[in-house]
Structure formats: structure tokens, C-alpha cells
Amino acid sequence: MAGGMTPGRSGLTLAERSAQSGVGAAAGGGPPSREFPGRSSRTSVGCPRHCWVSNLPDVPGRWPGLALEWARQADGSWTSRVAYAVRNGDQVVLVEAWVLAQHLTPADG
């Protein structure tokens, strides 16, 4: 059957089941909220999220990225493990790095 739907299943689409799961339900593209006081300093709540990576010291400009994971620094600030694409001459290079939250903005903002 199309889409793997067999009798006895909920009949919901994958998108509908995903929406009901609550995974990725955190709003915005910034660090996770403080609603989860028992969590460790690392979280993937609300990830992955499309974002812009801007004004890095070694890579100036604004680059499309994907926030993969968040971590709280010892000083209380947030950093995110981000995969982002940068142009290097006539090639586009994919970079994965920990980036301070001050260099990230939501892609829809």
C-alpha cells in the first residue's frame, strides 16, 4: 500500500504523526527555554533548526546553517553545534562547529 499504511494503523500521515510527537515543538531558533530545570547543560530540544550564522571572526558574512545541538557554557551563555555552508572561491564548503548564540538568528527572522 502507498506510504506503508496498513489496516489497523492510525491513518495519520507522517507529518501529522510527527506534529503529535512534540519533537521539535520548541518555538524559535534560539537556545532552549528554561522550562526544563532538570536537564543537563546539553540539549537538542527544538533542533534541528534552520538559522543564519553571521559575523564569525574567521568567516565574515551571513551563511545558511542548521542548529544541531545546544549547550550552556560555564558562564551561562549558550553555544550551538551548527552545520553551515560557506563559499570558498567557486566551491561551497560545509562546516560543522560550535558557534556562540550571539552569531545565530532564526532563518525565518
Protein backbone atom coordinates (compact mmCIF):
# COMPACT_ATOMS: atom_id res chain seq x y z
CA MET A 1 0.00 0.00 0.00
CA ALA A 2 1.05 3.55 -0.64
CA GLY A 3 3.04 5.10 2.19
CA GLY A 4 3.16 1.84 4.13
CA MET A 5 -0.32 2.37 5.52
CA THR A 6 -1.80 -0.95 6.59
CA PRO A 7 -5.13 -1.74 8.25
CA GLY A 8 -5.04 -1.14 11.99
CA ARG A 9 -2.79 1.91 11.74
CA SER A 10 -3.96 5.34 12.84
CA GLY A 11 -4.48 6.54 9.25
CA LEU A 12 -2.50 9.71 10.01
CA THR A 13 0.16 10.96 7.65
CA LEU A 14 3.79 11.05 8.70
CA ALA A 15 3.55 14.84 9.06
CA GLU A 16 0.52 14.52 11.35
CA ARG A 17 2.20 11.83 13.49
CA SER A 18 5.38 13.95 13.70
CA ALA A 19 3.39 17.00 14.81
CA GLN A 20 1.70 14.97 17.53
CA SER A 21 5.02 13.61 18.82
CA GLY A 22 6.04 17.01 20.21
CA VAL A 23 9.60 16.59 18.91
CA GLY A 24 10.89 19.91 17.65
CA ALA A 25 7.93 21.76 19.13
CA ALA A 26 10.02 24.46 20.82
CA ALA A 27 9.38 27.81 19.19
CA GLY A 28 12.07 29.95 17.65
CA GLY A 29 15.59 29.12 16.65
CA GLY A 30 17.41 30.19 19.78
CA PRO A 31 18.54 28.28 22.81
CA PRO A 32 16.08 26.03 24.60
CA SER A 33 13.87 27.65 27.21
CA ARG A 34 14.39 27.18 30.93
CA GLU A 35 11.20 25.11 31.16
CA PHE A 36 13.28 22.01 31.78
CA PRO A 37 15.16 22.66 35.04
CA GLY A 38 16.26 19.03 35.43
CA ARG A 39 18.03 18.90 32.07
CA SER A 40 21.78 18.69 31.65
CA SER A 41 23.69 21.55 30.08
CA ARG A 42 23.39 19.89 26.63
CA THR A 43 20.13 19.55 24.79
CA SER A 44 18.69 19.01 21.35
CA VAL A 45 15.23 20.34 22.26
CA GLY A 46 13.86 22.18 19.25
CA CYS A 47 16.69 21.02 16.99
CA PRO A 48 17.44 20.90 14.18
CA ARG A 49 16.53 24.46 13.28
CA HIS A 50 17.39 26.44 10.20
CA CYS A 51 19.39 29.54 11.13
CA TRP A 52 21.73 32.20 9.83
CA VAL A 53 25.34 32.22 11.01
CA SER A 54 26.65 35.79 10.94
CA ASN A 55 29.82 37.75 11.58
CA LEU A 56 32.12 34.99 12.75
CA PRO A 57 35.66 36.28 13.34
CA ASP A 58 37.22 33.89 10.80
CA VAL A 59 34.28 33.76 8.35
CA PRO A 60 32.68 37.20 7.87
CA GLY A 61 29.26 37.42 6.22
CA ARG A 62 25.92 35.68 6.67
CA TRP A 63 25.69 31.95 5.95
CA PRO A 64 22.78 29.45 5.97
CA GLY A 65 23.03 26.87 8.72
CA LEU A 66 21.32 24.20 10.76
CA ALA A 67 21.50 24.28 14.59
CA LEU A 68 22.03 20.65 15.60
CA GLU A 69 22.53 20.86 19.36
CA TRP A 70 22.68 23.46 22.14
CA ALA A 71 24.97 23.62 25.17
CA ARG A 72 25.18 26.04 28.08
CA GLN A 73 28.64 27.44 28.82
CA ALA A 74 30.00 27.68 32.37
CA ASP A 75 29.30 31.45 32.29
CA GLY A 76 25.60 30.81 31.49
CA SER A 77 25.79 31.78 27.80
CA TRP A 78 24.60 29.44 25.03
CA THR A 79 26.52 27.86 22.17
CA SER A 80 25.21 25.67 19.37
CA ARG A 81 26.73 22.94 17.25
CA VAL A 82 25.91 24.21 13.78
CA ALA A 83 26.39 22.86 10.27
CA TYR A 84 26.65 25.77 7.84
CA ALA A 85 27.71 26.34 4.25
CA VAL A 86 30.29 28.92 3.19
CA ARG A 87 31.56 29.88 -0.23
CA ASN A 88 35.26 29.28 -0.81
CA GLY A 89 36.05 30.67 -4.25
CA ASP A 90 33.87 28.77 -6.71
CA GLN A 91 33.07 25.98 -4.20
CA VAL A 92 30.67 25.71 -1.29
CA VAL A 93 32.13 24.10 1.83
CA LEU A 94 30.11 22.56 4.66
CA VAL A 95 31.43 23.44 8.12
CA GLU A 96 30.38 21.94 11.45
CA ALA A 97 31.40 23.93 14.51
CA TRP A 98 30.30 25.17 17.93
CA VAL A 99 29.10 28.76 17.50
CA LEU A 100 28.16 31.30 20.18
CA ALA A 101 24.44 32.12 20.16
CA GLN A 102 25.19 35.80 19.50
CA HIS A 103 26.21 34.78 15.95
CA LEU A 104 22.93 32.95 15.22
CA THR A 105 19.50 34.16 14.15
CA PRO A 106 16.46 32.10 13.13
CA ALA A 107 16.22 31.63 9.36
CA ASP A 108 12.65 32.93 9.40
CA GLY A 109 13.65 36.06 11.32
